[in-house]
Amino acid sequence: MKKILIIVLTTVLMLNMMGCTKTSNNRNEEKIGIRGLITKVLTDDNKKVTGILVEGKVESDTIHDKATVSIDKSTKISARELKEGMKVEVVFEGPVMESYPVQGKAKTIKVIE
């Protein structure tokens, strides 16, 4: 009787732990951090583009309405292509700083208009 009780408890605990793990149906799915218009292009002293300010609306598939987005060599877009007034979608790399506007590093920037 004790063996059956131990087996049942072990099974219940294992199922409980499996139910608490975080899984995703699509691991490649990336959440769009912001979709909106570029209101400012940020440059360094050498006129190299280092970031953009994006303003939009929070939509069902986005998280933020305003963001300062930093750009580096690993960002998937050419920073020279970015101009004020363009509509873009930004996927952030890692966490963002929860200030207002949020600040984060762009993993990808997609020009949509």
PDB file of N, CA and C in Angstrom:
ATOM      1  N   MET A   1       0.817  -1.194   0.000  1.00  0.00           N
ATOM      2  CA  MET A   1       0.000   0.000   0.000  1.00  0.00           C
ATOM      3  C   MET A   1       0.866   1.266   0.000  1.00  0.00           C
ATOM      4  N   LYS A   2       1.965   1.237   0.752  1.00  0.00           N
ATOM      5  CA  LYS A   2       2.854   2.397   0.799  1.00  0.00           C
ATOM      6  C   LYS A   2       3.499   2.642  -0.561  1.00  0.00           C
ATOM      7  N   LYS A   3       3.837   1.556  -1.275  1.00  0.00           N
ATOM      8  CA  LYS A   3       4.453   1.701  -2.586  1.00  0.00           C
ATOM      9  C   LYS A   3       3.497   2.388  -3.560  1.00  0.00           C
ATOM     10  N   ILE A   4       2.231   1.999  -3.520  1.00  0.00           N
ATOM     11  CA  ILE A   4       1.241   2.609  -4.413  1.00  0.00           C
ATOM     12  C   ILE A   4       1.085   4.088  -4.089  1.00  0.00           C
ATOM     13  N   LEU A   5       1.044   4.422  -2.807  1.00  0.00           N
ATOM     14  CA  LEU A   5       0.915   5.812  -2.384  1.00  0.00           C
ATOM     15  C   LEU A   5       2.123   6.632  -2.841  1.00  0.00           C
ATOM     16  N   ILE A   6       3.316   6.083  -2.717  1.00  0.00           N
ATOM     17  CA  ILE A   6       4.532   6.777  -3.150  1.00  0.00           C
ATOM     18  C   ILE A   6       4.513   6.985  -4.667  1.00  0.00           C
ATOM     19  N   ILE A   7       4.105   5.971  -5.417  1.00  0.00           N
ATOM     20  CA  ILE A   7       4.039   6.086  -6.875  1.00  0.00           C
ATOM     21  C   ILE A   7       3.023   7.152  -7.285  1.00  0.00           C
ATOM     22  N   VAL A   8       1.856   7.147  -6.656  1.00  0.00           N
ATOM     23  CA  VAL A   8       0.819   8.133  -6.980  1.00  0.00           C
ATOM     24  C   VAL A   8       1.301   9.542  -6.650  1.00  0.00           C
ATOM     25  N   LEU A   9       1.895   9.738  -5.476  1.00  0.00           N
ATOM     26  CA  LEU A   9       2.389  11.058  -5.089  1.00  0.00           C
ATOM     27  C   LEU A   9       3.499  11.539  -6.025  1.00  0.00           C
ATOM     28  N   THR A  10       4.399  10.644  -6.386  1.00  0.00           N
ATOM     29  CA  THR A  10       5.479  10.999  -7.304  1.00  0.00           C
ATOM     30  C   THR A  10       4.919  11.415  -8.664  1.00  0.00           C
ATOM     31  N   THR A  11       3.942  10.667  -9.157  1.00  0.00           N
ATOM     32  CA  THR A  11       3.319  10.991 -10.440  1.00  0.00           C
ATOM     33  C   THR A  11       2.621  12.345 -10.387  1.00  0.00           C
ATOM     34  N   VAL A  12       1.876  12.597  -9.314  1.00  0.00           N
ATOM     35  CA  VAL A  12       1.174  13.872  -9.166  1.00  0.00           C
ATOM     36  C   VAL A  12       2.172  15.027  -9.105  1.00  0.00           C
ATOM     37  N   LEU A  13       3.253  14.873  -8.357  1.00  0.00           N
ATOM     38  CA  LEU A  13       4.265  15.923  -8.263  1.00  0.00           C
ATOM     39  C   LEU A  13       4.927  16.187  -9.614  1.00  0.00           C
ATOM     40  N   MET A  14       5.227  15.133 -10.360  1.00  0.00           N
ATOM     41  CA  MET A  14       5.858  15.303 -11.668  1.00  0.00           C
ATOM     42  C   MET A  14       4.918  16.020 -12.635  1.00  0.00           C
ATOM     43  N   LEU A  15       3.637  15.641 -12.637  1.00  0.00           N
ATOM     44  CA  LEU A  15       2.670  16.302 -13.511  1.00  0.00           C
ATOM     45  C   LEU A  15       2.495  17.764 -13.117  1.00  0.00           C
ATOM     46  N   ASN A  16       2.502  18.033 -11.822  1.00  0.00           N
ATOM     47  CA  ASN A  16       2.374  19.408 -11.336  1.00  0.00           C
ATOM     48  C   ASN A  16       3.562  20.249 -11.794  1.00  0.00           C
ATOM     49  N   MET A  17       4.768  19.708 -11.708  1.00  0.00           N
ATOM     50  CA  MET A  17       5.957  20.451 -12.130  1.00  0.00           C
ATOM     51  C   MET A  17       5.956  20.680 -13.634  1.00  0.00           C
ATOM     52  N   MET A  18       5.488  19.717 -14.407  1.00  0.00           N
ATOM     53  CA  MET A  18       5.420  19.884 -15.854  1.00  0.00           C
ATOM     54  C   MET A  18       4.406  20.964 -16.223  1.00  0.00           C
ATOM     55  N   GLY A  19       3.331  21.068 -15.482  1.00  0.00           N
ATOM     56  CA  GLY A  19       2.316  22.081 -15.742  1.00  0.00           C
ATOM     57  C   GLY A  19       2.783  23.481 -15.407  1.00  0.00           C
ATOM     58  N   CYS A  20       3.786  23.617 -14.573  1.00  0.00           N
ATOM     59  CA  CYS A  20       4.273  24.932 -14.160  1.00  0.00           C
ATOM     60  C   CYS A  20       5.407  25.456 -15.021  1.00  0.00           C
ATOM     61  N   THR A  21       5.910  24.651 -15.930  1.00  0.00           N
ATOM     62  CA  THR A  21       7.009  25.124 -16.761  1.00  0.00           C
ATOM     63  C   THR A  21       6.486  26.044 -17.844  1.00  0.00           C
ATOM     64  N   LYS A  22       7.299  27.013 -18.218  1.00  0.00           N
ATOM     65  CA  LYS A  22       6.920  27.985 -19.242  1.00  0.00           C
ATOM     66  C   LYS A  22       7.330  27.442 -20.598  1.00  0.00           C
ATOM     67  N   THR A  23       6.356  27.289 -21.478  1.00  0.00           N
ATOM     68  CA  THR A  23       6.640  26.804 -22.818  1.00  0.00           C
ATOM     69  C   THR A  23       6.000  27.736 -23.832  1.00  0.00           C
ATOM     70  N   SER A  24       6.498  27.656 -25.024  1.00  0.00           N
ATOM     71  CA  SER A  24       5.944  28.448 -26.115  1.00  0.00           C
ATOM     72  C   SER A  24       5.688  27.527 -27.286  1.00  0.00           C
ATOM     73  N   ASN A  25       4.564  27.714 -27.950  1.00  0.00           N
ATOM     74  CA  ASN A  25       4.256  26.893 -29.112  1.00  0.00           C
ATOM     75  C   ASN A  25       5.194  27.197 -30.266  1.00  0.00           C
ATOM     76  N   ASN A  26       5.649  28.432 -30.337  1.00  0.00           N
ATOM     77  CA  ASN A  26       6.537  28.833 -31.426  1.00  0.00           C
ATOM     78  C   ASN A  26       7.722  29.578 -30.842  1.00  0.00           C
ATOM     79  N   ARG A  27       8.821  28.909 -30.706  1.00  0.00           N
ATOM     80  CA  ARG A  27      10.002  29.512 -30.086  1.00  0.00           C
ATOM     81  C   ARG A  27      10.597  30.622 -30.955  1.00  0.00           C
ATOM     82  N   ASN A  28      10.338  30.586 -32.254  1.00  0.00           N
ATOM     83  CA  ASN A  28      10.891  31.597 -33.144  1.00  0.00           C
ATOM     84  C   ASN A  28      10.053  32.867 -33.183  1.00  0.00           C
ATOM     85  N   GLU A  29       8.875  32.826 -32.580  1.00  0.00           N
ATOM     86  CA  GLU A  29       8.003  33.994 -32.581  1.00  0.00           C
ATOM     87  C   GLU A  29       8.618  35.103 -31.733  1.00  0.00           C
ATOM     88  N   GLU A  30       8.724  36.277 -32.318  1.00  0.00           N
ATOM     89  CA  GLU A  30       9.306  37.411 -31.611  1.00  0.00           C
ATOM     90  C   GLU A  30       8.233  38.462 -31.421  1.00  0.00           C
ATOM     91  N   LYS A  31       8.126  38.972 -30.224  1.00  0.00           N
ATOM     92  CA  LYS A  31       7.126  39.985 -29.899  1.00  0.00           C
ATOM     93  C   LYS A  31       7.588  41.346 -30.398  1.00  0.00           C
ATOM     94  N   ILE A  32       6.699  42.025 -31.102  1.00  0.00           N
ATOM     95  CA  ILE A  32       7.002  43.371 -31.578  1.00  0.00           C
ATOM     96  C   ILE A  32       6.923  44.305 -30.380  1.00  0.00           C
ATOM     97  N   GLY A  33       8.024  44.986 -30.102  1.00  0.00           N
ATOM     98  CA  GLY A  33       8.059  45.905 -28.972  1.00  0.00           C
ATOM     99  C   GLY A  33       7.273  47.168 -29.239  1.00  0.00           C
ATOM    100  N   ILE A  34       7.424  47.709 -30.441  1.00  0.00           N
ATOM    101  CA  ILE A  34       6.722  48.936 -30.814  1.00  0.00           C
ATOM    102  C   ILE A  34       6.567  48.995 -32.325  1.00  0.00           C
ATOM    103  N   ARG A  35       5.439  49.569 -32.740  1.00  0.00           N
ATOM    104  CA  ARG A  35       5.201  49.879 -34.150  1.00  0.00           C
ATOM    105  C   ARG A  35       4.797  51.347 -34.194  1.00  0.00           C
ATOM    106  N   GLY A  36       5.492  52.129 -34.997  1.00  0.00           N
ATOM    107  CA  GLY A  36       5.153  53.542 -35.062  1.00  0.00           C
ATOM    108  C   GLY A  36       6.076  54.309 -35.976  1.00  0.00           C
ATOM    109  N   LEU A  37       5.971  55.628 -35.884  1.00  0.00           N
ATOM    110  CA  LEU A  37       6.759  56.515 -36.732  1.00  0.00           C
ATOM    111  C   LEU A  37       8.060  56.914 -36.056  1.00  0.00           C
ATOM    112  N   ILE A  38       9.113  56.998 -36.840  1.00  0.00           N
ATOM    113  CA  ILE A  38      10.381  57.529 -36.335  1.00  0.00           C
ATOM    114  C   ILE A  38      10.205  59.038 -36.206  1.00  0.00           C
ATOM    115  N   THR A  39      10.321  59.542 -34.977  1.00  0.00           N
ATOM    116  CA  THR A  39      10.173  60.983 -34.759  1.00  0.00           C
ATOM    117  C   THR A  39      11.520  61.682 -34.635  1.00  0.00           C
ATOM    118  N   LYS A  40      12.569  60.905 -34.390  1.00  0.00           N
ATOM    119  CA  LYS A  40      13.900  61.496 -34.287  1.00  0.00           C
ATOM    120  C   LYS A  40      14.945  60.427 -34.577  1.00  0.00           C
ATOM    121  N   VAL A  41      15.965  60.791 -35.336  1.00  0.00           N
ATOM    122  CA  VAL A  41      17.107  59.911 -35.587  1.00  0.00           C
ATOM    123  C   VAL A  41      18.259  60.431 -34.741  1.00  0.00           C
ATOM    124  N   LEU A  42      18.823  59.566 -33.899  1.00  0.00           N
ATOM    125  CA  LEU A  42      19.897  59.947 -32.978  1.00  0.00           C
ATOM    126  C   LEU A  42      21.252  59.612 -33.595  1.00  0.00           C
ATOM    127  N   THR A  43      22.189  60.559 -33.541  1.00  0.00           N
ATOM    128  CA  THR A  43      23.524  60.346 -34.107  1.00  0.00           C
ATOM    129  C   THR A  43      24.594  60.713 -33.087  1.00  0.00           C
ATOM    130  N   ASP A  44      25.797  60.177 -33.307  1.00  0.00           N
ATOM    131  CA  ASP A  44      26.929  60.549 -32.457  1.00  0.00           C
ATOM    132  C   ASP A  44      27.658  61.745 -33.079  1.00  0.00           C
ATOM    133  N   ASP A  45      28.797  62.111 -32.513  1.00  0.00           N
ATOM    134  CA  ASP A  45      29.558  63.271 -33.002  1.00  0.00           C
ATOM    135  C   ASP A  45      30.035  63.116 -34.446  1.00  0.00           C
ATOM    136  N   ASN A  46      30.185  61.869 -34.886  1.00  0.00           N
ATOM    137  CA  ASN A  46      30.634  61.598 -36.256  1.00  0.00           C
ATOM    138  C   ASN A  46      29.469  61.417 -37.228  1.00  0.00           C
ATOM    139  N   LYS A  47      28.267  61.768 -36.798  1.00  0.00           N
ATOM    140  CA  LYS A  47      27.044  61.652 -37.612  1.00  0.00           C
ATOM    141  C   LYS A  47      26.649  60.206 -37.897  1.00  0.00           C
ATOM    142  N   LYS A  48      27.159  59.274 -37.099  1.00  0.00           N
ATOM    143  CA  LYS A  48      26.774  57.875 -37.231  1.00  0.00           C
ATOM    144  C   LYS A  48      25.466  57.674 -36.466  1.00  0.00           C
ATOM    145  N   VAL A  49      24.496  57.008 -37.098  1.00  0.00           N
ATOM    146  CA  VAL A  49      23.204  56.763 -36.455  1.00  0.00           C
ATOM    147  C   VAL A  49      23.394  55.760 -35.324  1.00  0.00           C
ATOM    148  N   THR A  50      22.977  56.156 -34.120  1.00  0.00           N
ATOM    149  CA  THR A  50      23.107  55.294 -32.942  1.00  0.00           C
ATOM    150  C   THR A  50      21.762  54.870 -32.377  1.00  0.00           C
ATOM    151  N   GLY A  51      20.693  55.497 -32.853  1.00  0.00           N
ATOM    152  CA  GLY A  51      19.385  55.141 -32.335  1.00  0.00           C
ATOM    153  C   GLY A  51      18.278  55.944 -32.983  1.00  0.00           C
ATOM    154  N   ILE A  52      17.047  55.606 -32.593  1.00  0.00           N
ATOM    155  CA  ILE A  52      15.873  56.314 -33.091  1.00  0.00           C
ATOM    156  C   ILE A  52      14.856  56.446 -31.966  1.00  0.00           C
ATOM    157  N   LEU A  53      14.021  57.459 -32.064  1.00  0.00           N
ATOM    158  CA  LEU A  53      12.875  57.608 -31.172  1.00  0.00           C
ATOM    159  C   LEU A  53      11.658  57.236 -31.996  1.00  0.00           C
ATOM    160  N   VAL A  54      10.869  56.274 -31.494  1.00  0.00           N
ATOM    161  CA  VAL A  54       9.697  55.786 -32.213  1.00  0.00           C
ATOM    162  C   VAL A  54       8.458  56.055 -31.374  1.00  0.00           C
ATOM    163  N   GLU A  55       7.404  56.571 -32.013  1.00  0.00           N
ATOM    164  CA  GLU A  55       6.138  56.829 -31.333  1.00  0.00           C
ATOM    165  C   GLU A  55       5.008  56.183 -32.120  1.00  0.00           C
ATOM    166  N   GLY A  56       4.135  55.482 -31.406  1.00  0.00           N
ATOM    167  CA  GLY A  56       2.990  54.829 -32.031  1.00  0.00           C
ATOM    168  C   GLY A  56       1.910  54.596 -30.996  1.00  0.00           C
ATOM    169  N   LYS A  57       1.041  53.631 -31.259  1.00  0.00           N
ATOM    170  CA  LYS A  57      -0.025  53.261 -30.331  1.00  0.00           C
ATOM    171  C   LYS A  57       0.219  51.834 -29.860  1.00  0.00           C
ATOM    172  N   VAL A  58      -0.188  51.545 -28.624  1.00  0.00           N
ATOM    173  CA  VAL A  58      -0.142  50.162 -28.160  1.00  0.00           C
ATOM    174  C   VAL A  58      -1.264  49.419 -28.879  1.00  0.00           C
ATOM    175  N   GLU A  59      -0.904  48.344 -29.557  1.00  0.00           N
ATOM    176  CA  GLU A  59      -1.876  47.539 -30.286  1.00  0.00           C
ATOM    177  C   GLU A  59      -1.894  46.142 -29.685  1.00  0.00           C
ATOM    178  N   SER A  60      -2.760  45.285 -30.195  1.00  0.00           N
ATOM    179  CA  SER A  60      -2.894  43.939 -29.630  1.00  0.00           C
ATOM    180  C   SER A  60      -1.608  43.126 -29.744  1.00  0.00           C
ATOM    181  N   ASP A  61      -0.767  43.452 -30.722  1.00  0.00           N
ATOM    182  CA  ASP A  61       0.469  42.688 -30.915  1.00  0.00           C
ATOM    183  C   ASP A  61       1.727  43.481 -30.570  1.00  0.00           C
ATOM    184  N   THR A  62       1.576  44.641 -29.914  1.00  0.00           N
ATOM    185  CA  THR A  62       2.735  45.438 -29.503  1.00  0.00           C
ATOM    186  C   THR A  62       2.684  45.701 -28.006  1.00  0.00           C
ATOM    187  N   ILE A  63       3.801  46.199 -27.456  1.00  0.00           N
ATOM    188  CA  ILE A  63       3.904  46.394 -26.011  1.00  0.00           C
ATOM    189  C   ILE A  63       3.959  47.869 -25.637  1.00  0.00           C
ATOM    190  N   HIS A  64       4.676  48.673 -26.407  1.00  0.00           N
ATOM    191  CA  HIS A  64       4.947  50.060 -26.018  1.00  0.00           C
ATOM    192  C   HIS A  64       4.391  51.052 -27.034  1.00  0.00           C
ATOM    193  N   ASP A  65       4.181  52.306 -26.566  1.00  0.00           N
ATOM    194  CA  ASP A  65       3.707  53.364 -27.457  1.00  0.00           C
ATOM    195  C   ASP A  65       4.790  54.391 -27.780  1.00  0.00           C
ATOM    196  N   LYS A  66       5.881  54.365 -27.037  1.00  0.00           N
ATOM    197  CA  LYS A  66       6.977  55.304 -27.266  1.00  0.00           C
ATOM    198  C   LYS A  66       8.262  54.632 -26.794  1.00  0.00           C
ATOM    199  N   ALA A  67       9.316  54.709 -27.612  1.00  0.00           N
ATOM    200  CA  ALA A  67      10.563  54.031 -27.246  1.00  0.00           C
ATOM    201  C   ALA A  67      11.772  54.723 -27.843  1.00  0.00           C
ATOM    202  N   THR A  68      12.833  54.767 -27.049  1.00  0.00           N
ATOM    203  CA  THR A  68      14.144  55.167 -27.539  1.00  0.00           C
ATOM    204  C   THR A  68      14.884  53.875 -27.854  1.00  0.00           C
ATOM    205  N   VAL A  69      15.208  53.685 -29.115  1.00  0.00           N
ATOM    206  CA  VAL A  69      15.751  52.420 -29.601  1.00  0.00           C
ATOM    207  C   VAL A  69      17.211  52.615 -29.983  1.00  0.00           C
ATOM    208  N   SER A  70      18.109  51.876 -29.324  1.00  0.00           N
ATOM    209  CA  SER A  70      19.523  51.970 -29.694  1.00  0.00           C
ATOM    210  C   SER A  70      19.834  50.938 -30.776  1.00  0.00           C
ATOM    211  N   ILE A  71      20.750  51.319 -31.650  1.00  0.00           N
ATOM    212  CA  ILE A  71      21.104  50.508 -32.816  1.00  0.00           C
ATOM    213  C   ILE A  71      22.609  50.276 -32.800  1.00  0.00           C
ATOM    214  N   ASP A  72      23.015  49.022 -33.068  1.00  0.00           N
ATOM    215  CA  ASP A  72      24.443  48.736 -33.209  1.00  0.00           C
ATOM    216  C   ASP A  72      24.655  47.817 -34.407  1.00  0.00           C
ATOM    217  N   LYS A  73      25.865  47.297 -34.545  1.00  0.00           N
ATOM    218  CA  LYS A  73      26.213  46.470 -35.704  1.00  0.00           C
ATOM    219  C   LYS A  73      25.379  45.200 -35.801  1.00  0.00           C
ATOM    220  N   SER A  74      24.909  44.674 -34.659  1.00  0.00           N
ATOM    221  CA  SER A  74      24.154  43.425 -34.689  1.00  0.00           C
ATOM    222  C   SER A  74      22.672  43.627 -35.006  1.00  0.00           C
ATOM    223  N   THR A  75      22.205  44.868 -35.020  1.00  0.00           N
ATOM    224  CA  THR A  75      20.809  45.139 -35.356  1.00  0.00           C
ATOM    225  C   THR A  75      20.577  44.811 -36.827  1.00  0.00           C
ATOM    226  N   LYS A  76      19.474  44.092 -37.098  1.00  0.00           N
ATOM    227  CA  LYS A  76      19.196  43.657 -38.465  1.00  0.00           C
ATOM    228  C   LYS A  76      18.510  44.760 -39.262  1.00  0.00           C
ATOM    229  N   ILE A  77      19.248  45.759 -39.633  1.00  0.00           N
ATOM    230  CA  ILE A  77      18.859  46.814 -40.575  1.00  0.00           C
ATOM    231  C   ILE A  77      20.054  47.739 -40.720  1.00  0.00           C
ATOM    232  N   SER A  78      20.135  48.386 -41.834  1.00  0.00           N
ATOM    233  CA  SER A  78      21.181  49.390 -42.003  1.00  0.00           C
ATOM    234  C   SER A  78      20.680  50.693 -41.409  1.00  0.00           C
ATOM    235  N   ALA A  79      21.388  51.214 -40.434  1.00  0.00           N
ATOM    236  CA  ALA A  79      20.968  52.442 -39.762  1.00  0.00           C
ATOM    237  C   ALA A  79      20.909  53.614 -40.730  1.00  0.00           C
ATOM    238  N   ARG A  80      21.683  53.569 -41.793  1.00  0.00           N
ATOM    239  CA  ARG A  80      21.671  54.659 -42.786  1.00  0.00           C
ATOM    240  C   ARG A  80      20.333  54.746 -43.508  1.00  0.00           C
ATOM    241  N   GLU A  81      19.572  53.644 -43.514  1.00  0.00           N
ATOM    242  CA  GLU A  81      18.283  53.616 -44.200  1.00  0.00           C
ATOM    243  C   GLU A  81      17.195  54.357 -43.428  1.00  0.00           C
ATOM    244  N   LEU A  82      17.394  54.615 -42.155  1.00  0.00           N
ATOM    245  CA  LEU A  82      16.336  55.144 -41.303  1.00  0.00           C
ATOM    246  C   LEU A  82      16.236  56.657 -41.399  1.00  0.00           C
ATOM    247  N   LYS A  83      14.986  57.121 -41.577  1.00  0.00           N
ATOM    248  CA  LYS A  83      14.735  58.555 -41.677  1.00  0.00           C
ATOM    249  C   LYS A  83      13.481  58.901 -40.876  1.00  0.00           C
ATOM    250  N   GLU A  84      13.413  60.142 -40.397  1.00  0.00           N
ATOM    251  CA  GLU A  84      12.230  60.605 -39.679  1.00  0.00           C
ATOM    252  C   GLU A  84      11.003  60.461 -40.574  1.00  0.00           C
ATOM    253  N   GLY A  85       9.895  60.048 -39.963  1.00  0.00           N
ATOM    254  CA  GLY A  85       8.640  59.885 -40.690  1.00  0.00           C
ATOM    255  C   GLY A  85       8.382  58.477 -41.183  1.00  0.00           C
ATOM    256  N   MET A  86       9.409  57.612 -41.197  1.00  0.00           N
ATOM    257  CA  MET A  86       9.216  56.224 -41.614  1.00  0.00           C
ATOM    258  C   MET A  86       8.422  55.475 -40.551  1.00  0.00           C
ATOM    259  N   LYS A  87       7.576  54.539 -40.995  1.00  0.00           N
ATOM    260  CA  LYS A  87       6.860  53.676 -40.059  1.00  0.00           C
ATOM    261  C   LYS A  87       7.657  52.384 -39.926  1.00  0.00           C
ATOM    262  N   VAL A  88       7.948  51.996 -38.682  1.00  0.00           N
ATOM    263  CA  VAL A  88       8.788  50.827 -38.431  1.00  0.00           C
ATOM    264  C   VAL A  88       8.185  49.935 -37.354  1.00  0.00           C
ATOM    265  N   GLU A  89       8.622  48.675 -37.360  1.00  0.00           N
ATOM    266  CA  GLU A  89       8.348  47.730 -36.278  1.00  0.00           C
ATOM    267  C   GLU A  89       9.690  47.365 -35.658  1.00  0.00           C
ATOM    268  N   VAL A  90       9.747  47.385 -34.327  1.00  0.00           N
ATOM    269  CA  VAL A  90      10.994  47.095 -33.625  1.00  0.00           C
ATOM    270  C   VAL A  90      10.800  45.886 -32.720  1.00  0.00           C
ATOM    271  N   VAL A  91      11.719  44.925 -32.834  1.00  0.00           N
ATOM    272  CA  VAL A  91      11.807  43.811 -31.890  1.00  0.00           C
ATOM    273  C   VAL A  91      13.039  44.078 -31.050  1.00  0.00           C
ATOM    274  N   PHE A  92      12.860  44.104 -29.722  1.00  0.00           N
ATOM    275  CA  PHE A  92      13.972  44.407 -28.829  1.00  0.00           C
ATOM    276  C   PHE A  92      14.787  43.162 -28.522  1.00  0.00           C
ATOM    277  N   GLU A  93      16.074  43.377 -28.261  1.00  0.00           N
ATOM    278  CA  GLU A  93      16.977  42.311 -27.823  1.00  0.00           C
ATOM    279  C   GLU A  93      17.100  42.409 -26.317  1.00  0.00           C
ATOM    280  N   GLY A  94      16.627  41.395 -25.620  1.00  0.00           N
ATOM    281  CA  GLY A  94      16.708  41.397 -24.163  1.00  0.00           C
ATOM    282  C   GLY A  94      15.712  42.359 -23.539  1.00  0.00           C
ATOM    283  N   PRO A  95      15.893  42.615 -22.258  1.00  0.00           N
ATOM    284  CA  PRO A  95      14.944  43.483 -21.547  1.00  0.00           C
ATOM    285  C   PRO A  95      15.137  44.951 -21.910  1.00  0.00           C
ATOM    286  N   VAL A  96      14.077  45.732 -21.685  1.00  0.00           N
ATOM    287  CA  VAL A  96      14.144  47.179 -21.895  1.00  0.00           C
ATOM    288  C   VAL A  96      14.137  47.866 -20.540  1.00  0.00           C
ATOM    289  N   MET A  97      14.666  49.085 -20.507  1.00  0.00           N
ATOM    290  CA  MET A  97      14.603  49.888 -19.285  1.00  0.00           C
ATOM    291  C   MET A  97      13.212  50.505 -19.216  1.00  0.00           C
ATOM    292  N   GLU A  98      12.511  50.229 -18.142  1.00  0.00           N
ATOM    293  CA  GLU A  98      11.118  50.646 -18.007  1.00  0.00           C
ATOM    294  C   GLU A  98      10.976  52.100 -17.592  1.00  0.00           C
ATOM    295  N   SER A  99      11.602  52.990 -18.317  1.00  0.00           N
ATOM    296  CA  SER A  99      11.406  54.421 -18.123  1.00  0.00           C
ATOM    297  C   SER A  99      10.323  54.841 -19.114  1.00  0.00           C
ATOM    298  N   TYR A 100      10.053  56.114 -19.224  1.00  0.00           N
ATOM    299  CA  TYR A 100       9.144  56.564 -20.271  1.00  0.00           C
ATOM    300  C   TYR A 100       9.805  57.674 -21.050  1.00  0.00           C
ATOM    301  N   PRO A 101      10.094  57.485 -22.287  1.00  0.00           N
ATOM    302  CA  PRO A 101       9.822  56.264 -23.040  1.00  0.00           C
ATOM    303  C   PRO A 101      10.780  55.141 -22.652  1.00  0.00           C
ATOM    304  N   VAL A 102      10.350  53.896 -22.936  1.00  0.00           N
ATOM    305  CA  VAL A 102      11.235  52.771 -22.644  1.00  0.00           C
ATOM    306  C   VAL A 102      12.498  52.913 -23.486  1.00  0.00           C
ATOM    307  N   GLN A 103      13.568  52.297 -23.006  1.00  0.00           N
ATOM    308  CA  GLN A 103      14.844  52.336 -23.718  1.00  0.00           C
ATOM    309  C   GLN A 103      15.334  50.909 -23.894  1.00  0.00           C
ATOM    310  N   GLY A 104      15.702  50.569 -25.109  1.00  0.00           N
ATOM    311  CA  GLY A 104      16.184  49.223 -25.346  1.00  0.00           C
ATOM    312  C   GLY A 104      16.975  49.117 -26.632  1.00  0.00           C
ATOM    313  N   LYS A 105      17.680  47.995 -26.765  1.00  0.00           N
ATOM    314  CA  LYS A 105      18.504  47.724 -27.940  1.00  0.00           C
ATOM    315  C   LYS A 105      17.668  46.957 -28.959  1.00  0.00           C
ATOM    316  N   ALA A 106      17.722  47.391 -30.195  1.00  0.00           N
ATOM    317  CA  ALA A 106      16.951  46.744 -31.256  1.00  0.00           C
ATOM    318  C   ALA A 106      17.635  45.472 -31.735  1.00  0.00           C
ATOM    319  N   LYS A 107      16.866  44.403 -31.802  1.00  0.00           N
ATOM    320  CA  LYS A 107      17.338  43.176 -32.443  1.00  0.00           C
ATOM    321  C   LYS A 107      17.068  43.291 -33.943  1.00  0.00           C
ATOM    322  N   THR A 108      15.831  43.677 -34.275  1.00  0.00           N
ATOM    323  CA  THR A 108      15.471  43.901 -35.674  1.00  0.00           C
ATOM    324  C   THR A 108      14.605  45.150 -35.788  1.00  0.00           C
ATOM    325  N   ILE A 109      14.766  45.839 -36.893  1.00  0.00           N
ATOM    326  CA  ILE A 109      13.906  46.970 -37.237  1.00  0.00           C
ATOM    327  C   ILE A 109      13.418  46.714 -38.652  1.00  0.00           C
ATOM    328  N   LYS A 110      12.097  46.732 -38.814  1.00  0.00           N
ATOM    329  CA  LYS A 110      11.503  46.481 -40.124  1.00  0.00           C
ATOM    330  C   LYS A 110      10.762  47.734 -40.570  1.00  0.00           C
ATOM    331  N   VAL A 111      11.136  48.271 -41.711  1.00  0.00           N
ATOM    332  CA  VAL A 111      10.426  49.421 -42.274  1.00  0.00           C
ATOM    333  C   VAL A 111       9.157  48.887 -42.932  1.00  0.00           C
ATOM    334  N   ILE A 112       7.993  49.435 -42.519  1.00  0.00           N
ATOM    335  CA  ILE A 112       6.734  48.930 -43.068  1.00  0.00           C
ATOM    336  C   ILE A 112       6.018  49.947 -43.949  1.00  0.00           C
ATOM    337  N   GLU A 113       6.452  51.200 -43.947  1.00  0.00           N
ATOM    338  CA  GLU A 113       5.885  52.214 -44.854  1.00  0.00           C
ATOM    339  C   GLU A 113       6.927  53.252 -45.156  1.00  0.00           C
TER     340      GLU A 113
END
